[in-house]
């Protein structure tokens, strides 16, 4: 099931005041190590939904809480994770469902070096205790052809960044409310 959700290691007590200043409502899950969020879907403008409108609530939350916020988006092509930074700005990581690593060992080594460096840079900017650990989230095919699913990648990311995995597989664009009773509705006063 597609996911449009955000996670942060910030506790709910820190997240709720920042959400109230935002422009979009949704549901909050207060986990033992962080907070999960299901944002109301953005409304189209001029017949489309811009990338900025998709990212806006996560970016505003990162700035408001001074903590990195990770926006999880699962789509037909694969998984996109956008890290929104407390000082502003963002960076993306993506995993294509049908990605196949280069067969040439030199090309593969160059690819891994680029991936590892990009993940370490993003992880350091997001304030992860072990920035290099982000590079271990990969979906290379196993010898039997199987590969890590988007749900499993998101679950491992949640564990790495301290966000609750309960938001995986949920999107208010496809469902009327969250699955699970421990979510609390929040409204944005900044609308």
C-alpha atoms as a PDB file:
ATOM      1  CA  UNK A   1       0.000   0.000   0.000  1.00  0.00           C
ATOM      2  CA  UNK A   2       1.360   3.469  -0.814  1.00  0.00           C
ATOM      3  CA  UNK A   3       2.747   5.582   1.996  1.00  0.00           C
ATOM      4  CA  UNK A   4       2.639   9.348   2.467  1.00  0.00           C
ATOM      5  CA  UNK A   5       3.831   9.916   6.023  1.00  0.00           C
ATOM      6  CA  UNK A   6       6.559  11.561   8.066  1.00  0.00           C
ATOM      7  CA  UNK A   7       8.653  10.454  11.031  1.00  0.00           C
ATOM      8  CA  UNK A   8      10.872  12.316  13.441  1.00  0.00           C
ATOM      9  CA  UNK A   9      12.784  11.475  16.590  1.00  0.00           C
ATOM     10  CA  UNK A  10      11.245  14.542  18.266  1.00  0.00           C
ATOM     11  CA  UNK A  11       8.698  13.720  20.997  1.00  0.00           C
ATOM     12  CA  UNK A  12       5.020  14.584  20.500  1.00  0.00           C
ATOM     13  CA  UNK A  13       5.244  17.351  23.123  1.00  0.00           C
ATOM     14  CA  UNK A  14       7.735  19.135  20.887  1.00  0.00           C
ATOM     15  CA  UNK A  15       5.932  18.317  17.625  1.00  0.00           C
ATOM     16  CA  UNK A  16       2.369  19.441  18.472  1.00  0.00           C
ATOM     17  CA  UNK A  17       3.143  23.171  18.957  1.00  0.00           C
ATOM     18  CA  UNK A  18       5.048  23.232  15.648  1.00  0.00           C
ATOM     19  CA  UNK A  19       2.163  21.486  13.865  1.00  0.00           C
ATOM     20  CA  UNK A  20      -0.302  24.069  15.173  1.00  0.00           C
ATOM     21  CA  UNK A  21       1.687  26.785  13.382  1.00  0.00           C
ATOM     22  CA  UNK A  22       1.641  24.776  10.133  1.00  0.00           C
ATOM     23  CA  UNK A  23      -0.769  24.966   7.216  1.00  0.00           C
ATOM     24  CA  UNK A  24      -1.997  21.377   7.069  1.00  0.00           C
ATOM     25  CA  UNK A  25      -3.753  19.121   9.543  1.00  0.00           C
ATOM     26  CA  UNK A  26      -3.528  15.367   9.922  1.00  0.00           C
ATOM     27  CA  UNK A  27      -2.928  12.668  12.526  1.00  0.00           C
ATOM     28  CA  UNK A  28      -0.103  12.239  15.011  1.00  0.00           C
ATOM     29  CA  UNK A  29       1.202   9.038  16.590  1.00  0.00           C
ATOM     30  CA  UNK A  30       3.314   9.464  19.728  1.00  0.00           C
ATOM     31  CA  UNK A  31       5.772   6.576  19.763  1.00  0.00           C
ATOM     32  CA  UNK A  32       8.215   5.581  22.483  1.00  0.00           C
ATOM     33  CA  UNK A  33      11.192   6.920  20.502  1.00  0.00           C
ATOM     34  CA  UNK A  34       9.654   9.551  18.244  1.00  0.00           C
ATOM     35  CA  UNK A  35       6.597  10.787  16.403  1.00  0.00           C
ATOM     36  CA  UNK A  36       4.810   9.577  13.276  1.00  0.00           C
ATOM     37  CA  UNK A  37       2.603  11.833  11.176  1.00  0.00           C
ATOM     38  CA  UNK A  38      -0.027  11.351   8.525  1.00  0.00           C
ATOM     39  CA  UNK A  39      -0.625  14.700   6.821  1.00  0.00           C
ATOM     40  CA  UNK A  40      -3.842  15.588   5.049  1.00  0.00           C
ATOM     41  CA  UNK A  41      -3.137  15.404   1.314  1.00  0.00           C
ATOM     42  CA  UNK A  42      -2.380  18.685  -0.432  1.00  0.00           C
ATOM     43  CA  UNK A  43      -5.055  20.136  -2.665  1.00  0.00           C
ATOM     44  CA  UNK A  44      -4.195  20.570  -6.340  1.00  0.00           C
ATOM     45  CA  UNK A  45      -3.487  24.054  -7.647  1.00  0.00           C
ATOM     46  CA  UNK A  46      -4.008  24.729 -11.315  1.00  0.00           C
ATOM     47  CA  UNK A  47      -4.818  21.051 -11.823  1.00  0.00           C
ATOM     48  CA  UNK A  48      -1.676  19.587 -10.231  1.00  0.00           C
ATOM     49  CA  UNK A  49       0.094  19.084  -6.931  1.00  0.00           C
ATOM     50  CA  UNK A  50       3.590  20.534  -6.844  1.00  0.00           C
ATOM     51  CA  UNK A  51       6.514  18.859  -5.119  1.00  0.00           C
ATOM     52  CA  UNK A  52       6.747  21.811  -2.754  1.00  0.00           C
ATOM     53  CA  UNK A  53       3.146  21.327  -1.570  1.00  0.00           C
ATOM     54  CA  UNK A  54       3.876  17.649  -0.884  1.00  0.00           C
ATOM     55  CA  UNK A  55       6.989  18.438   1.155  1.00  0.00           C
ATOM     56  CA  UNK A  56       5.822  21.628   2.849  1.00  0.00           C
ATOM     57  CA  UNK A  57       4.394  20.213   6.112  1.00  0.00           C
ATOM     58  CA  UNK A  58       7.480  18.046   6.782  1.00  0.00           C
ATOM     59  CA  UNK A  59       9.851  20.898   6.015  1.00  0.00           C
ATOM     60  CA  UNK A  60       7.896  23.322   8.251  1.00  0.00           C
ATOM     61  CA  UNK A  61       7.924  20.752  11.040  1.00  0.00           C
ATOM     62  CA  UNK A  62      11.706  20.281  10.800  1.00  0.00           C
ATOM     63  CA  UNK A  63      12.252  24.019  11.083  1.00  0.00           C
ATOM     64  CA  UNK A  64       9.696  24.337  13.900  1.00  0.00           C
ATOM     65  CA  UNK A  65      11.076  21.468  16.011  1.00  0.00           C
ATOM     66  CA  UNK A  66      14.755  21.975  15.141  1.00  0.00           C
ATOM     67  CA  UNK A  67      14.876  18.222  14.448  1.00  0.00           C
ATOM     68  CA  UNK A  68      15.184  16.328  11.160  1.00  0.00           C
ATOM     69  CA  UNK A  69      11.903  15.096   9.687  1.00  0.00           C
ATOM     70  CA  UNK A  70      11.823  12.226   7.210  1.00  0.00           C
ATOM     71  CA  UNK A  71       9.045  12.233   4.595  1.00  0.00           C
ATOM     72  CA  UNK A  72       8.246   8.715   3.343  1.00  0.00           C
ATOM     73  CA  UNK A  73       6.626   8.313  -0.076  1.00  0.00           C
ATOM     74  CA  UNK A  74       6.030   4.928  -1.618  1.00  0.00           C
ATOM     75  CA  UNK A  75       4.934   4.865  -5.257  1.00  0.00           C
ATOM     76  CA  UNK A  76       4.693   2.418  -8.159  1.00  0.00           C
ATOM     77  CA  UNK A  77       8.294   3.076  -9.251  1.00  0.00           C
ATOM     78  CA  UNK A  78       9.759   2.663  -5.744  1.00  0.00           C
ATOM     79  CA  UNK A  79      10.476   4.524  -2.542  1.00  0.00           C
ATOM     80  CA  UNK A  80      11.460   8.170  -2.041  1.00  0.00           C
ATOM     81  CA  UNK A  81      12.628   9.446   1.340  1.00  0.00           C
ATOM     82  CA  UNK A  82      13.124  13.179   1.791  1.00  0.00           C
ATOM     83  CA  UNK A  83      15.099  14.348   4.800  1.00  0.00           C
ATOM     84  CA  UNK A  84      14.022  17.863   5.833  1.00  0.00           C
ATOM     85  CA  UNK A  85      16.670  19.590   7.914  1.00  0.00           C
ATOM     86  CA  UNK A  86      16.218  21.784  11.002  1.00  0.00           C
ATOM     87  CA  UNK A  87      18.229  24.637   9.504  1.00  0.00           C
ATOM     88  CA  UNK A  88      16.172  24.528   6.310  1.00  0.00           C
ATOM     89  CA  UNK A  89      16.705  22.618   3.110  1.00  0.00           C
ATOM     90  CA  UNK A  90      16.246  18.977   2.263  1.00  0.00           C
ATOM     91  CA  UNK A  91      17.814  16.020   0.477  1.00  0.00           C
ATOM     92  CA  UNK A  92      16.345  12.889  -1.143  1.00  0.00           C
ATOM     93  CA  UNK A  93      17.170   9.212  -1.344  1.00  0.00           C
ATOM     94  CA  UNK A  94      15.382   6.864  -3.717  1.00  0.00           C
ATOM     95  CA  UNK A  95      15.139   3.118  -4.262  1.00  0.00           C
ATOM     96  CA  UNK A  96      13.722   1.920  -7.591  1.00  0.00           C
ATOM     97  CA  UNK A  97      11.794  -1.359  -7.310  1.00  0.00           C
ATOM     98  CA  UNK A  98      13.450  -2.809 -10.418  1.00  0.00           C
ATOM     99  CA  UNK A  99      16.957  -1.421  -9.872  1.00  0.00           C
ATOM    100  CA  UNK A 100      19.768  -3.767 -10.828  1.00  0.00           C
ATOM    101  CA  UNK A 101      23.359  -3.027  -9.830  1.00  0.00           C
ATOM    102  CA  UNK A 102      25.994  -2.764 -12.559  1.00  0.00           C
ATOM    103  CA  UNK A 103      27.485  -6.128 -13.536  1.00  0.00           C
ATOM    104  CA  UNK A 104      30.957  -4.673 -14.029  1.00  0.00           C
ATOM    105  CA  UNK A 105      32.804  -4.781 -10.655  1.00  0.00           C
ATOM    106  CA  UNK A 106      34.496  -1.410 -11.244  1.00  0.00           C
ATOM    107  CA  UNK A 107      31.185   0.263 -12.085  1.00  0.00           C
ATOM    108  CA  UNK A 108      29.573  -1.338  -9.048  1.00  0.00           C
ATOM    109  CA  UNK A 109      32.410  -0.160  -6.787  1.00  0.00           C
ATOM    110  CA  UNK A 110      32.059   3.389  -8.140  1.00  0.00           C
ATOM    111  CA  UNK A 111      28.281   3.251  -7.635  1.00  0.00           C
ATOM    112  CA  UNK A 112      28.695   2.035  -4.046  1.00  0.00           C
ATOM    113  CA  UNK A 113      31.275   4.706  -3.279  1.00  0.00           C
ATOM    114  CA  UNK A 114      28.914   7.415  -4.580  1.00  0.00           C
ATOM    115  CA  UNK A 115      25.943   5.936  -2.663  1.00  0.00           C
ATOM    116  CA  UNK A 116      27.931   5.570   0.558  1.00  0.00           C
ATOM    117  CA  UNK A 117      29.254   9.149   0.331  1.00  0.00           C
ATOM    118  CA  UNK A 118      25.794  10.614  -0.409  1.00  0.00           C
ATOM    119  CA  UNK A 119      24.230   8.678   2.479  1.00  0.00           C
ATOM    120  CA  UNK A 120      26.977   9.685   4.913  1.00  0.00           C
ATOM    121  CA  UNK A 121      26.600  13.345   3.929  1.00  0.00           C
ATOM    122  CA  UNK A 122      22.808  13.229   4.277  1.00  0.00           C
ATOM    123  CA  UNK A 123      23.019  11.314   7.565  1.00  0.00           C
ATOM    124  CA  UNK A 124      25.490  13.820   9.029  1.00  0.00           C
ATOM    125  CA  UNK A 125      23.339  16.755   7.952  1.00  0.00           C
ATOM    126  CA  UNK A 126      20.287  15.099   9.554  1.00  0.00           C
ATOM    127  CA  UNK A 127      22.218  14.594  12.804  1.00  0.00           C
ATOM    128  CA  UNK A 128      22.274  10.783  12.827  1.00  0.00           C
ATOM    129  CA  UNK A 129      24.542   9.226  15.456  1.00  0.00           C
ATOM    130  CA  UNK A 130      26.031   6.946  12.772  1.00  0.00           C
ATOM    131  CA  UNK A 131      25.621   8.758   9.428  1.00  0.00           C
ATOM    132  CA  UNK A 132      27.222   5.895   7.477  1.00  0.00           C
ATOM    133  CA  UNK A 133      24.517   3.456   8.663  1.00  0.00           C
ATOM    134  CA  UNK A 134      22.091   5.021   6.191  1.00  0.00           C
ATOM    135  CA  UNK A 135      24.113   3.510   3.311  1.00  0.00           C
ATOM    136  CA  UNK A 136      23.204   0.000   4.489  1.00  0.00           C
ATOM    137  CA  UNK A 137      19.586   0.574   3.424  1.00  0.00           C
ATOM    138  CA  UNK A 138      19.759  -1.047   0.013  1.00  0.00           C
ATOM    139  CA  UNK A 139      17.499  -3.123  -2.203  1.00  0.00           C
ATOM    140  CA  UNK A 140      20.076  -4.964  -4.287  1.00  0.00           C
ATOM    141  CA  UNK A 141      18.610  -8.221  -5.596  1.00  0.00           C
ATOM    142  CA  UNK A 142      19.617 -11.366  -3.728  1.00  0.00           C
ATOM    143  CA  UNK A 143      21.020 -14.346  -5.679  1.00  0.00           C
ATOM    144  CA  UNK A 144      17.512 -15.859  -5.783  1.00  0.00           C
ATOM    145  CA  UNK A 145      16.131 -12.630  -7.343  1.00  0.00           C
ATOM    146  CA  UNK A 146      14.290 -11.435  -4.251  1.00  0.00           C
ATOM    147  CA  UNK A 147      14.915  -7.958  -2.915  1.00  0.00           C
ATOM    148  CA  UNK A 148      14.142  -5.847   0.103  1.00  0.00           C
ATOM    149  CA  UNK A 149      10.637  -4.378  -0.135  1.00  0.00           C
ATOM    150  CA  UNK A 150       9.840  -0.686   0.280  1.00  0.00           C
ATOM    151  CA  UNK A 151       8.033  -1.517   3.526  1.00  0.00           C
ATOM    152  CA  UNK A 152      11.103  -3.251   4.911  1.00  0.00           C
ATOM    153  CA  UNK A 153      13.371  -0.362   3.844  1.00  0.00           C
ATOM    154  CA  UNK A 154      11.024   2.112   5.564  1.00  0.00           C
ATOM    155  CA  UNK A 155      10.950  -0.044   8.703  1.00  0.00           C
ATOM    156  CA  UNK A 156      14.729  -0.134   8.856  1.00  0.00           C
ATOM    157  CA  UNK A 157      14.854   3.641   8.303  1.00  0.00           C
ATOM    158  CA  UNK A 158      12.386   4.160  11.167  1.00  0.00           C
ATOM    159  CA  UNK A 159      14.656   2.145  13.452  1.00  0.00           C
ATOM    160  CA  UNK A 160      17.704   4.102  12.322  1.00  0.00           C
ATOM    161  CA  UNK A 161      16.235   7.591  12.794  1.00  0.00           C
ATOM    162  CA  UNK A 162      14.034   6.900  15.841  1.00  0.00           C
ATOM    163  CA  UNK A 163      10.628   7.221  14.179  1.00  0.00           C
ATOM    164  CA  UNK A 164       7.672   4.896  14.785  1.00  0.00           C
ATOM    165  CA  UNK A 165       7.036   2.420  11.934  1.00  0.00           C
ATOM    166  CA  UNK A 166       3.245   2.468  12.486  1.00  0.00           C
ATOM    167  CA  UNK A 167       2.888   5.012   9.637  1.00  0.00           C
ATOM    168  CA  UNK A 168       4.240   2.596   6.996  1.00  0.00           C
ATOM    169  CA  UNK A 169       1.602   1.708   4.433  1.00  0.00           C
ATOM    170  CA  UNK A 170      -0.649   4.630   5.354  1.00  0.00           C
ATOM    171  CA  UNK A 171      -1.687   7.673   3.338  1.00  0.00           C
ATOM    172  CA  UNK A 172      -4.593  10.003   4.003  1.00  0.00           C
ATOM    173  CA  UNK A 173      -4.784  10.451   0.241  1.00  0.00           C
ATOM    174  CA  UNK A 174      -6.057   6.866   0.010  1.00  0.00           C
ATOM    175  CA  UNK A 175      -7.784   6.306   3.341  1.00  0.00           C
ATOM    176  CA  UNK A 176     -10.190   8.425   5.382  1.00  0.00           C
ATOM    177  CA  UNK A 177      -8.255   8.079   8.625  1.00  0.00           C
ATOM    178  CA  UNK A 178      -5.332   6.230  10.164  1.00  0.00           C
ATOM    179  CA  UNK A 179      -5.293   2.507  10.793  1.00  0.00           C
ATOM    180  CA  UNK A 180      -4.895   2.182  14.545  1.00  0.00           C
ATOM    181  CA  UNK A 181      -6.477   3.852  17.547  1.00  0.00           C
ATOM    182  CA  UNK A 182      -3.395   5.531  18.973  1.00  0.00           C
ATOM    183  CA  UNK A 183      -3.407   8.390  16.458  1.00  0.00           C
ATOM    184  CA  UNK A 184      -4.568  11.852  17.519  1.00  0.00           C
ATOM    185  CA  UNK A 185      -6.084  14.365  15.091  1.00  0.00           C
ATOM    186  CA  UNK A 186      -4.380  17.773  14.874  1.00  0.00           C
ATOM    187  CA  UNK A 187      -5.513  20.877  13.055  1.00  0.00           C
ATOM    188  CA  UNK A 188      -3.266  23.568  11.678  1.00  0.00           C
ATOM    189  CA  UNK A 189      -4.033  27.057  12.912  1.00  0.00           C
ATOM    190  CA  UNK A 190      -1.787  28.695  10.347  1.00  0.00           C
ATOM    191  CA  UNK A 191      -4.206  28.080   7.491  1.00  0.00           C
END
